[in-house]
Amino acid sequence: MKQPEQIDFFGDPVGNSSWRKESKGAKDADKASLRVDTIHLNPSGEYLQACTWLAALFGTDVTTLTYKPEGMPDDKAQLMRACAADAVRCCKAVK
């Protein structure tokens, strides 16, 4: 049986989905089920978090970074860096 596509969390820093087979010995051990995690960060969220911590803790201008995770489009990485820089700038302004 071909499994449908996983859920696309594009643009959202939280959420992952994957197909997993039931554990051996389970009633439906030959079936797979779609598991959805809507709590933990996905790779985009991890990158956003890393950029935010880098900017907040070390005062780095993350908008000038060139590193991005493998497979992440340039425009998405640029957006994550800009969001991190804005979040840190806003927090400093509130103090």
PDB file of N, CA and C in Angstrom:
ATOM      1  N   MET A   1       0.839  -1.181   0.000  1.00  0.00           N
ATOM      2  CA  MET A   1       0.000   0.000   0.000  1.00  0.00           C
ATOM      3  C   MET A   1       0.883   1.245   0.000  1.00  0.00           C
ATOM      4  N   LYS A   2       0.628   2.139  -0.926  1.00  0.00           N
ATOM      5  CA  LYS A   2       1.381   3.384  -0.987  1.00  0.00           C
ATOM      6  C   LYS A   2       0.808   4.369   0.020  1.00  0.00           C
ATOM      7  N   GLN A   3       1.720   4.993   0.772  1.00  0.00           N
ATOM      8  CA  GLN A   3       1.290   5.947   1.793  1.00  0.00           C
ATOM      9  C   GLN A   3       1.115   7.336   1.175  1.00  0.00           C
ATOM     10  N   PRO A   4       0.119   8.080   1.646  1.00  0.00           N
ATOM     11  CA  PRO A   4      -0.059   9.456   1.170  1.00  0.00           C
ATOM     12  C   PRO A   4       1.113  10.327   1.616  1.00  0.00           C
ATOM     13  N   GLU A   5       1.180  11.495   1.052  1.00  0.00           N
ATOM     14  CA  GLU A   5       2.220  12.447   1.427  1.00  0.00           C
ATOM     15  C   GLU A   5       2.137  12.795   2.911  1.00  0.00           C
ATOM     16  N   GLN A   6       3.275  13.167   3.468  1.00  0.00           N
ATOM     17  CA  GLN A   6       3.290  13.652   4.835  1.00  0.00           C
ATOM     18  C   GLN A   6       2.721  15.066   4.859  1.00  0.00           C
ATOM     19  N   ILE A   7       2.372  15.528   6.034  1.00  0.00           N
ATOM     20  CA  ILE A   7       1.843  16.877   6.185  1.00  0.00           C
ATOM     21  C   ILE A   7       2.963  17.877   5.948  1.00  0.00           C
ATOM     22  N   ASP A   8       2.698  18.889   5.149  1.00  0.00           N
ATOM     23  CA  ASP A   8       3.693  19.919   4.854  1.00  0.00           C
ATOM     24  C   ASP A   8       3.508  21.074   5.839  1.00  0.00           C
ATOM     25  N   PHE A   9       4.502  21.292   6.674  1.00  0.00           N
ATOM     26  CA  PHE A   9       4.460  22.390   7.636  1.00  0.00           C
ATOM     27  C   PHE A   9       5.230  23.594   7.098  1.00  0.00           C
ATOM     28  N   PHE A  10       5.276  23.751   5.788  1.00  0.00           N
ATOM     29  CA  PHE A  10       6.029  24.825   5.166  1.00  0.00           C
ATOM     30  C   PHE A  10       5.639  26.173   5.749  1.00  0.00           C
ATOM     31  N   GLY A  11       6.634  26.935   6.126  1.00  0.00           N
ATOM     32  CA  GLY A  11       6.390  28.261   6.667  1.00  0.00           C
ATOM     33  C   GLY A  11       6.126  28.266   8.152  1.00  0.00           C
ATOM     34  N   ASP A  12       5.981  27.112   8.749  1.00  0.00           N
ATOM     35  CA  ASP A  12       5.708  27.026  10.178  1.00  0.00           C
ATOM     36  C   ASP A  12       6.951  26.452  10.864  1.00  0.00           C
ATOM     37  N   PRO A  13       7.451  27.088  11.911  1.00  0.00           N
ATOM     38  CA  PRO A  13       8.650  26.583  12.576  1.00  0.00           C
ATOM     39  C   PRO A  13       8.377  25.409  13.513  1.00  0.00           C
ATOM     40  N   VAL A  14       7.128  25.041  13.681  1.00  0.00           N
ATOM     41  CA  VAL A  14       6.763  23.935  14.565  1.00  0.00           C
ATOM     42  C   VAL A  14       6.002  22.893  13.760  1.00  0.00           C
ATOM     43  N   GLY A  15       6.313  21.640  14.002  1.00  0.00           N
ATOM     44  CA  GLY A  15       5.548  20.553  13.409  1.00  0.00           C
ATOM     45  C   GLY A  15       6.363  19.645  12.529  1.00  0.00           C
ATOM     46  N   ASN A  16       6.126  18.374  12.699  1.00  0.00           N
ATOM     47  CA  ASN A  16       6.729  17.320  11.889  1.00  0.00           C
ATOM     48  C   ASN A  16       5.695  16.227  11.712  1.00  0.00           C
ATOM     49  N   SER A  17       5.847  15.472  10.649  1.00  0.00           N
ATOM     50  CA  SER A  17       4.998  14.309  10.468  1.00  0.00           C
ATOM     51  C   SER A  17       5.846  13.191   9.878  1.00  0.00           C
ATOM     52  N   SER A  18       5.467  11.963  10.183  1.00  0.00           N
ATOM     53  CA  SER A  18       6.186  10.815   9.648  1.00  0.00           C
ATOM     54  C   SER A  18       5.282   9.591   9.680  1.00  0.00           C
ATOM     55  N   TRP A  19       5.561   8.668   8.792  1.00  0.00           N
ATOM     56  CA  TRP A  19       4.854   7.397   8.779  1.00  0.00           C
ATOM     57  C   TRP A  19       5.657   6.411   9.607  1.00  0.00           C
ATOM     58  N   ARG A  20       4.982   5.705  10.508  1.00  0.00           N
ATOM     59  CA  ARG A  20       5.653   4.709  11.347  1.00  0.00           C
ATOM     60  C   ARG A  20       4.825   3.436  11.366  1.00  0.00           C
ATOM     61  N   LYS A  21       5.556   2.321  11.293  1.00  0.00           N
ATOM     62  CA  LYS A  21       4.874   1.031  11.425  1.00  0.00           C
ATOM     63  C   LYS A  21       4.598   0.774  12.887  1.00  0.00           C
ATOM     64  N   GLU A  22       3.532   0.075  13.134  1.00  0.00           N
ATOM     65  CA  GLU A  22       3.203  -0.307  14.505  1.00  0.00           C
ATOM     66  C   GLU A  22       4.270  -1.265  15.015  1.00  0.00           C
ATOM     67  N   SER A  23       4.451  -1.320  16.318  1.00  0.00           N
ATOM     68  CA  SER A  23       5.479  -2.176  16.887  1.00  0.00           C
ATOM     69  C   SER A  23       5.135  -3.645  16.653  1.00  0.00           C
ATOM     70  N   LYS A  24       6.186  -4.457  16.568  1.00  0.00           N
ATOM     71  CA  LYS A  24       5.985  -5.883  16.349  1.00  0.00           C
ATOM     72  C   LYS A  24       5.176  -6.454  17.506  1.00  0.00           C
ATOM     73  N   GLY A  25       4.309  -7.343  17.186  1.00  0.00           N
ATOM     74  CA  GLY A  25       3.465  -7.936  18.208  1.00  0.00           C
ATOM     75  C   GLY A  25       2.163  -7.168  18.411  1.00  0.00           C
ATOM     76  N   ALA A  26       2.095  -5.959  17.859  1.00  0.00           N
ATOM     77  CA  ALA A  26       0.857  -5.183  17.968  1.00  0.00           C
ATOM     78  C   ALA A  26      -0.193  -5.813  17.065  1.00  0.00           C
ATOM     79  N   LYS A  27      -1.423  -5.544  17.349  1.00  0.00           N
ATOM     80  CA  LYS A  27      -2.539  -6.110  16.598  1.00  0.00           C
ATOM     81  C   LYS A  27      -2.410  -5.815  15.101  1.00  0.00           C
ATOM     82  N   ASP A  28      -2.050  -4.603  14.758  1.00  0.00           N
ATOM     83  CA  ASP A  28      -1.919  -4.199  13.354  1.00  0.00           C
ATOM     84  C   ASP A  28      -0.464  -3.924  13.002  1.00  0.00           C
ATOM     85  N   ALA A  29       0.430  -4.871  13.277  1.00  0.00           N
ATOM     86  CA  ALA A  29       1.867  -4.662  13.098  1.00  0.00           C
ATOM     87  C   ALA A  29       2.256  -4.397  11.647  1.00  0.00           C
ATOM     88  N   ASP A  30       1.441  -4.828  10.697  1.00  0.00           N
ATOM     89  CA  ASP A  30       1.782  -4.627   9.291  1.00  0.00           C
ATOM     90  C   ASP A  30       1.307  -3.292   8.749  1.00  0.00           C
ATOM     91  N   LYS A  31       0.570  -2.543   9.540  1.00  0.00           N
ATOM     92  CA  LYS A  31       0.045  -1.253   9.093  1.00  0.00           C
ATOM     93  C   LYS A  31       0.929  -0.108   9.574  1.00  0.00           C
ATOM     94  N   ALA A  32       0.917   0.947   8.809  1.00  0.00           N
ATOM     95  CA  ALA A  32       1.647   2.156   9.195  1.00  0.00           C
ATOM     96  C   ALA A  32       0.632   3.247   9.520  1.00  0.00           C
ATOM     97  N   SER A  33       1.021   4.108  10.409  1.00  0.00           N
ATOM     98  CA  SER A  33       0.129   5.217  10.749  1.00  0.00           C
ATOM     99  C   SER A  33       0.907   6.526  10.673  1.00  0.00           C
ATOM    100  N   LEU A  34       0.194   7.563  10.359  1.00  0.00           N
ATOM    101  CA  LEU A  34       0.798   8.888  10.263  1.00  0.00           C
ATOM    102  C   LEU A  34       0.901   9.473  11.666  1.00  0.00           C
ATOM    103  N   ARG A  35       2.101   9.807  12.068  1.00  0.00           N
ATOM    104  CA  ARG A  35       2.326  10.425  13.375  1.00  0.00           C
ATOM    105  C   ARG A  35       2.575  11.911  13.139  1.00  0.00           C
ATOM    106  N   VAL A  36       1.885  12.742  13.887  1.00  0.00           N
ATOM    107  CA  VAL A  36       2.024  14.187  13.727  1.00  0.00           C
ATOM    108  C   VAL A  36       2.472  14.794  15.049  1.00  0.00           C
ATOM    109  N   ASP A  37       3.527  15.568  14.991  1.00  0.00           N
ATOM    110  CA  ASP A  37       4.070  16.253  16.167  1.00  0.00           C
ATOM    111  C   ASP A  37       3.861  17.745  15.944  1.00  0.00           C
ATOM    112  N   THR A  38       2.958  18.331  16.689  1.00  0.00           N
ATOM    113  CA  THR A  38       2.662  19.757  16.533  1.00  0.00           C
ATOM    114  C   THR A  38       3.197  20.574  17.706  1.00  0.00           C
ATOM    115  N   ILE A  39       4.149  20.002  18.444  1.00  0.00           N
ATOM    116  CA  ILE A  39       4.699  20.678  19.614  1.00  0.00           C
ATOM    117  C   ILE A  39       6.166  21.063  19.426  1.00  0.00           C
ATOM    118  N   HIS A  40       6.948  20.175  18.843  1.00  0.00           N
ATOM    119  CA  HIS A  40       8.386  20.402  18.751  1.00  0.00           C
ATOM    120  C   HIS A  40       8.774  21.173  17.493  1.00  0.00           C
ATOM    121  N   LEU A  41       9.920  21.833  17.582  1.00  0.00           N
ATOM    122  CA  LEU A  41      10.436  22.581  16.442  1.00  0.00           C
ATOM    123  C   LEU A  41      10.836  21.637  15.321  1.00  0.00           C
ATOM    124  N   ASN A  42      10.611  22.079  14.102  1.00  0.00           N
ATOM    125  CA  ASN A  42      11.117  21.362  12.943  1.00  0.00           C
ATOM    126  C   ASN A  42      12.441  22.015  12.548  1.00  0.00           C
ATOM    127  N   PRO A  43      13.112  21.569  11.491  1.00  0.00           N
ATOM    128  CA  PRO A  43      14.397  22.170  11.134  1.00  0.00           C
ATOM    129  C   PRO A  43      14.341  23.694  10.938  1.00  0.00           C
ATOM    130  N   SER A  44      13.252  24.218  10.411  1.00  0.00           N
ATOM    131  CA  SER A  44      13.125  25.672  10.266  1.00  0.00           C
ATOM    132  C   SER A  44      13.079  26.346  11.629  1.00  0.00           C
ATOM    133  N   GLY A  45      12.333  25.764  12.546  1.00  0.00           N
ATOM    134  CA  GLY A  45      12.234  26.307  13.895  1.00  0.00           C
ATOM    135  C   GLY A  45      13.549  26.225  14.651  1.00  0.00           C
ATOM    136  N   GLU A  46      14.280  25.141  14.442  1.00  0.00           N
ATOM    137  CA  GLU A  46      15.593  25.000  15.085  1.00  0.00           C
ATOM    138  C   GLU A  46      16.552  26.079  14.580  1.00  0.00           C
ATOM    139  N   TYR A  47      16.489  26.353  13.285  1.00  0.00           N
ATOM    140  CA  TYR A  47      17.351  27.389  12.707  1.00  0.00           C
ATOM    141  C   TYR A  47      16.953  28.766  13.240  1.00  0.00           C
ATOM    142  N   LEU A  48      15.649  29.027  13.300  1.00  0.00           N
ATOM    143  CA  LEU A  48      15.154  30.292  13.840  1.00  0.00           C
ATOM    144  C   LEU A  48      15.589  30.456  15.291  1.00  0.00           C
ATOM    145  N   GLN A  49      15.461  29.405  16.070  1.00  0.00           N
ATOM    146  CA  GLN A  49      15.858  29.437  17.476  1.00  0.00           C
ATOM    147  C   GLN A  49      17.364  29.697  17.613  1.00  0.00           C
ATOM    148  N   ALA A  50      18.153  29.023  16.812  1.00  0.00           N
ATOM    149  CA  ALA A  50      19.607  29.211  16.870  1.00  0.00           C
ATOM    150  C   ALA A  50      19.984  30.645  16.516  1.00  0.00           C
ATOM    151  N   CYS A  51      19.355  31.193  15.497  1.00  0.00           N
ATOM    152  CA  CYS A  51      19.636  32.582  15.113  1.00  0.00           C
ATOM    153  C   CYS A  51      19.230  33.554  16.221  1.00  0.00           C
ATOM    154  N   THR A  52      18.111  33.283  16.863  1.00  0.00           N
ATOM    155  CA  THR A  52      17.637  34.155  17.940  1.00  0.00           C
ATOM    156  C   THR A  52      18.596  34.125  19.119  1.00  0.00           C
ATOM    157  N   TRP A  53      19.020  32.930  19.524  1.00  0.00           N
ATOM    158  CA  TRP A  53      19.974  32.825  20.632  1.00  0.00           C
ATOM    159  C   TRP A  53      21.299  33.488  20.279  1.00  0.00           C
ATOM    160  N   LEU A  54      21.763  33.298  19.054  1.00  0.00           N
ATOM    161  CA  LEU A  54      23.027  33.904  18.624  1.00  0.00           C
ATOM    162  C   LEU A  54      22.943  35.421  18.701  1.00  0.00           C
ATOM    163  N   ALA A  55      21.848  35.975  18.257  1.00  0.00           N
ATOM    164  CA  ALA A  55      21.675  37.429  18.293  1.00  0.00           C
ATOM    165  C   ALA A  55      21.529  37.935  19.726  1.00  0.00           C
ATOM    166  N   ALA A  56      20.753  37.221  20.541  1.00  0.00           N
ATOM    167  CA  ALA A  56      20.479  37.680  21.909  1.00  0.00           C
ATOM    168  C   ALA A  56      21.695  37.527  22.825  1.00  0.00           C
ATOM    169  N   LEU A  57      22.371  36.407  22.728  1.00  0.00           N
ATOM    170  CA  LEU A  57      23.471  36.140  23.660  1.00  0.00           C
ATOM    171  C   LEU A  57      24.791  36.789  23.261  1.00  0.00           C
ATOM    172  N   PHE A  58      25.050  36.871  21.956  1.00  0.00           N
ATOM    173  CA  PHE A  58      26.346  37.353  21.498  1.00  0.00           C
ATOM    174  C   PHE A  58      26.277  38.662  20.726  1.00  0.00           C
ATOM    175  N   GLY A  59      25.076  39.199  20.543  1.00  0.00           N
ATOM    176  CA  GLY A  59      24.931  40.464  19.834  1.00  0.00           C
ATOM    177  C   GLY A  59      25.285  40.382  18.365  1.00  0.00           C
ATOM    178  N   THR A  60      25.243  39.185  17.806  1.00  0.00           N
ATOM    179  CA  THR A  60      25.595  38.982  16.400  1.00  0.00           C
ATOM    180  C   THR A  60      24.483  39.501  15.491  1.00  0.00           C
ATOM    181  N   ASP A  61      24.863  40.183  14.434  1.00  0.00           N
ATOM    182  CA  ASP A  61      23.892  40.598  13.429  1.00  0.00           C
ATOM    183  C   ASP A  61      23.621  39.388  12.542  1.00  0.00           C
ATOM    184  N   VAL A  62      22.582  38.639  12.884  1.00  0.00           N
ATOM    185  CA  VAL A  62      22.315  37.385  12.177  1.00  0.00           C
ATOM    186  C   VAL A  62      21.847  37.588  10.743  1.00  0.00           C
ATOM    187  N   THR A  63      21.465  38.798  10.390  1.00  0.00           N
ATOM    188  CA  THR A  63      21.039  39.047   9.005  1.00  0.00           C
ATOM    189  C   THR A  63      22.211  38.945   8.037  1.00  0.00           C
ATOM    190  N   THR A  64      23.428  38.962   8.553  1.00  0.00           N
ATOM    191  CA  THR A  64      24.607  38.865   7.685  1.00  0.00           C
ATOM    192  C   THR A  64      25.166  37.442   7.607  1.00  0.00           C
ATOM    193  N   LEU A  65      24.557  36.502   8.309  1.00  0.00           N
ATOM    194  CA  LEU A  65      25.039  35.118   8.282  1.00  0.00           C
ATOM    195  C   LEU A  65      24.870  34.522   6.895  1.00  0.00           C
ATOM    196  N   THR A  66      25.743  33.615   6.548  1.00  0.00           N
ATOM    197  CA  THR A  66      25.618  32.915   5.268  1.00  0.00           C
ATOM    198  C   THR A  66      25.265  31.448   5.459  1.00  0.00           C
ATOM    199  N   TYR A  67      25.437  30.922   6.686  1.00  0.00           N
ATOM    200  CA  TYR A  67      25.098  29.516   6.937  1.00  0.00           C
ATOM    201  C   TYR A  67      23.587  29.325   6.891  1.00  0.00           C
ATOM    202  N   LYS A  68      23.178  28.216   6.324  1.00  0.00           N
ATOM    203  CA  LYS A  68      21.782  27.794   6.369  1.00  0.00           C
ATOM    204  C   LYS A  68      21.780  26.271   6.327  1.00  0.00           C
ATOM    205  N   PRO A  69      20.760  25.661   6.906  1.00  0.00           N
ATOM    206  CA  PRO A  69      20.685  24.206   6.881  1.00  0.00           C
ATOM    207  C   PRO A  69      20.595  23.673   5.455  1.00  0.00           C
ATOM    208  N   GLU A  70      21.146  22.509   5.267  1.00  0.00           N
ATOM    209  CA  GLU A  70      21.108  21.876   3.951  1.00  0.00           C
ATOM    210  C   GLU A  70      19.662  21.672   3.519  1.00  0.00           C
ATOM    211  N   GLY A  71      19.349  22.059   2.306  1.00  0.00           N
ATOM    212  CA  GLY A  71      18.011  21.884   1.765  1.00  0.00           C
ATOM    213  C   GLY A  71      17.064  23.043   2.029  1.00  0.00           C
ATOM    214  N   MET A  72      17.474  23.990   2.876  1.00  0.00           N
ATOM    215  CA  MET A  72      16.603  25.139   3.150  1.00  0.00           C
ATOM    216  C   MET A  72      16.811  26.177   2.046  1.00  0.00           C
ATOM    217  N   PRO A  73      15.733  26.633   1.416  1.00  0.00           N
ATOM    218  CA  PRO A  73      15.869  27.645   0.371  1.00  0.00           C
ATOM    219  C   PRO A  73      16.466  28.942   0.932  1.00  0.00           C
ATOM    220  N   ASP A  74      17.218  29.645   0.109  1.00  0.00           N
ATOM    221  CA  ASP A  74      17.863  30.892   0.535  1.00  0.00           C
ATOM    222  C   ASP A  74      16.870  31.910   1.076  1.00  0.00           C
ATOM    223  N   ASP A  75      15.726  32.063   0.395  1.00  0.00           N
ATOM    224  CA  ASP A  75      14.756  33.072   0.836  1.00  0.00           C
ATOM    225  C   ASP A  75      14.151  32.720   2.193  1.00  0.00           C
ATOM    226  N   LYS A  76      13.968  31.434   2.462  1.00  0.00           N
ATOM    227  CA  LYS A  76      13.427  31.031   3.759  1.00  0.00           C
ATOM    228  C   LYS A  76      14.458  31.263   4.866  1.00  0.00           C
ATOM    229  N   ALA A  77      15.725  30.957   4.602  1.00  0.00           N
ATOM    230  CA  ALA A  77      16.785  31.187   5.590  1.00  0.00           C
ATOM    231  C   ALA A  77      16.907  32.682   5.876  1.00  0.00           C
ATOM    232  N   GLN A  78      16.819  33.490   4.838  1.00  0.00           N
ATOM    233  CA  GLN A  78      16.894  34.940   5.003  1.00  0.00           C
ATOM    234  C   GLN A  78      15.723  35.445   5.857  1.00  0.00           C
ATOM    235  N   LEU A  79      14.531  34.903   5.636  1.00  0.00           N
ATOM    236  CA  LEU A  79      13.364  35.281   6.431  1.00  0.00           C
ATOM    237  C   LEU A  79      13.548  34.886   7.900  1.00  0.00           C
ATOM    238  N   MET A  80      14.056  33.680   8.161  1.00  0.00           N
ATOM    239  CA  MET A  80      14.279  33.226   9.540  1.00  0.00           C
ATOM    240  C   MET A  80      15.284  34.136  10.254  1.00  0.00           C
ATOM    241  N   ARG A  81      16.341  34.525   9.553  1.00  0.00           N
ATOM    242  CA  ARG A  81      17.351  35.418  10.154  1.00  0.00           C
ATOM    243  C   ARG A  81      16.760  36.793  10.446  1.00  0.00           C
ATOM    244  N   ALA A  82      15.943  37.309   9.535  1.00  0.00           N
ATOM    245  CA  ALA A  82      15.313  38.620   9.740  1.00  0.00           C
ATOM    246  C   ALA A  82      14.330  38.569  10.907  1.00  0.00           C
ATOM    247  N   CYS A  83      13.575  37.493  11.017  1.00  0.00           N
ATOM    248  CA  CYS A  83      12.623  37.348  12.131  1.00  0.00           C
ATOM    249  C   CYS A  83      13.359  37.284  13.466  1.00  0.00           C
ATOM    250  N   ALA A  84      14.466  36.547  13.509  1.00  0.00           N
ATOM    251  CA  ALA A  84      15.256  36.453  14.742  1.00  0.00           C
ATOM    252  C   ALA A  84      15.798  37.820  15.134  1.00  0.00           C
ATOM    253  N   ALA A  85      16.335  38.554  14.164  1.00  0.00           N
ATOM    254  CA  ALA A  85      16.889  39.878  14.444  1.00  0.00           C
ATOM    255  C   ALA A  85      15.795  40.829  14.939  1.00  0.00           C
ATOM    256  N   ASP A  86      14.633  40.784  14.325  1.00  0.00           N
ATOM    257  CA  ASP A  86      13.516  41.639  14.752  1.00  0.00           C
ATOM    258  C   ASP A  86      13.046  41.293  16.162  1.00  0.00           C
ATOM    259  N   ALA A  87      12.960  40.004  16.464  1.00  0.00           N
ATOM    260  CA  ALA A  87      12.507  39.582  17.795  1.00  0.00           C
ATOM    261  C   ALA A  87      13.458  40.083  18.877  1.00  0.00           C
ATOM    262  N   VAL A  88      14.752  39.955  18.643  1.00  0.00           N
ATOM    263  CA  VAL A  88      15.748  40.408  19.626  1.00  0.00           C
ATOM    264  C   VAL A  88      15.708  41.930  19.748  1.00  0.00           C
ATOM    265  N   ARG A  89      15.578  42.618  18.634  1.00  0.00           N
ATOM    266  CA  ARG A  89      15.508  44.086  18.649  1.00  0.00           C
ATOM    267  C   ARG A  89      14.277  44.548  19.425  1.00  0.00           C
ATOM    268  N   CYS A  90      13.148  43.923  19.230  1.00  0.00           N
ATOM    269  CA  CYS A  90      11.922  44.277  19.953  1.00  0.00           C
ATOM    270  C   CYS A  90      12.051  44.038  21.446  1.00  0.00           C
ATOM    271  N   CYS A  91      12.661  42.926  21.830  1.00  0.00           N
ATOM    272  CA  CYS A  91      12.837  42.604  23.253  1.00  0.00           C
ATOM    273  C   CYS A  91      13.751  43.614  23.928  1.00  0.00           C
ATOM    274  N   LYS A  92      14.782  44.055  23.240  1.00  0.00           N
ATOM    275  CA  LYS A  92      15.698  45.047  23.818  1.00  0.00           C
ATOM    276  C   LYS A  92      14.998  46.390  23.965  1.00  0.00           C
ATOM    277  N   ALA A  93      14.089  46.701  23.051  1.00  0.00           N
ATOM    278  CA  ALA A  93      13.380  47.988  23.103  1.00  0.00           C
ATOM    279  C   ALA A  93      12.396  48.041  24.276  1.00  0.00           C
ATOM    280  N   VAL A  94      11.904  46.902  24.695  1.00  0.00           N
ATOM    281  CA  VAL A  94      10.925  46.835  25.785  1.00  0.00           C
ATOM    282  C   VAL A  94      11.585  47.082  27.135  1.00  0.00           C
ATOM    283  N   LYS A  95      12.842  46.713  27.273  1.00  0.00           N
ATOM    284  CA  LYS A  95      13.536  46.851  28.551  1.00  0.00           C
ATOM    285  C   LYS A  95      13.601  48.243  29.043  1.00  0.00           C
TER     286      LYS A  95
END
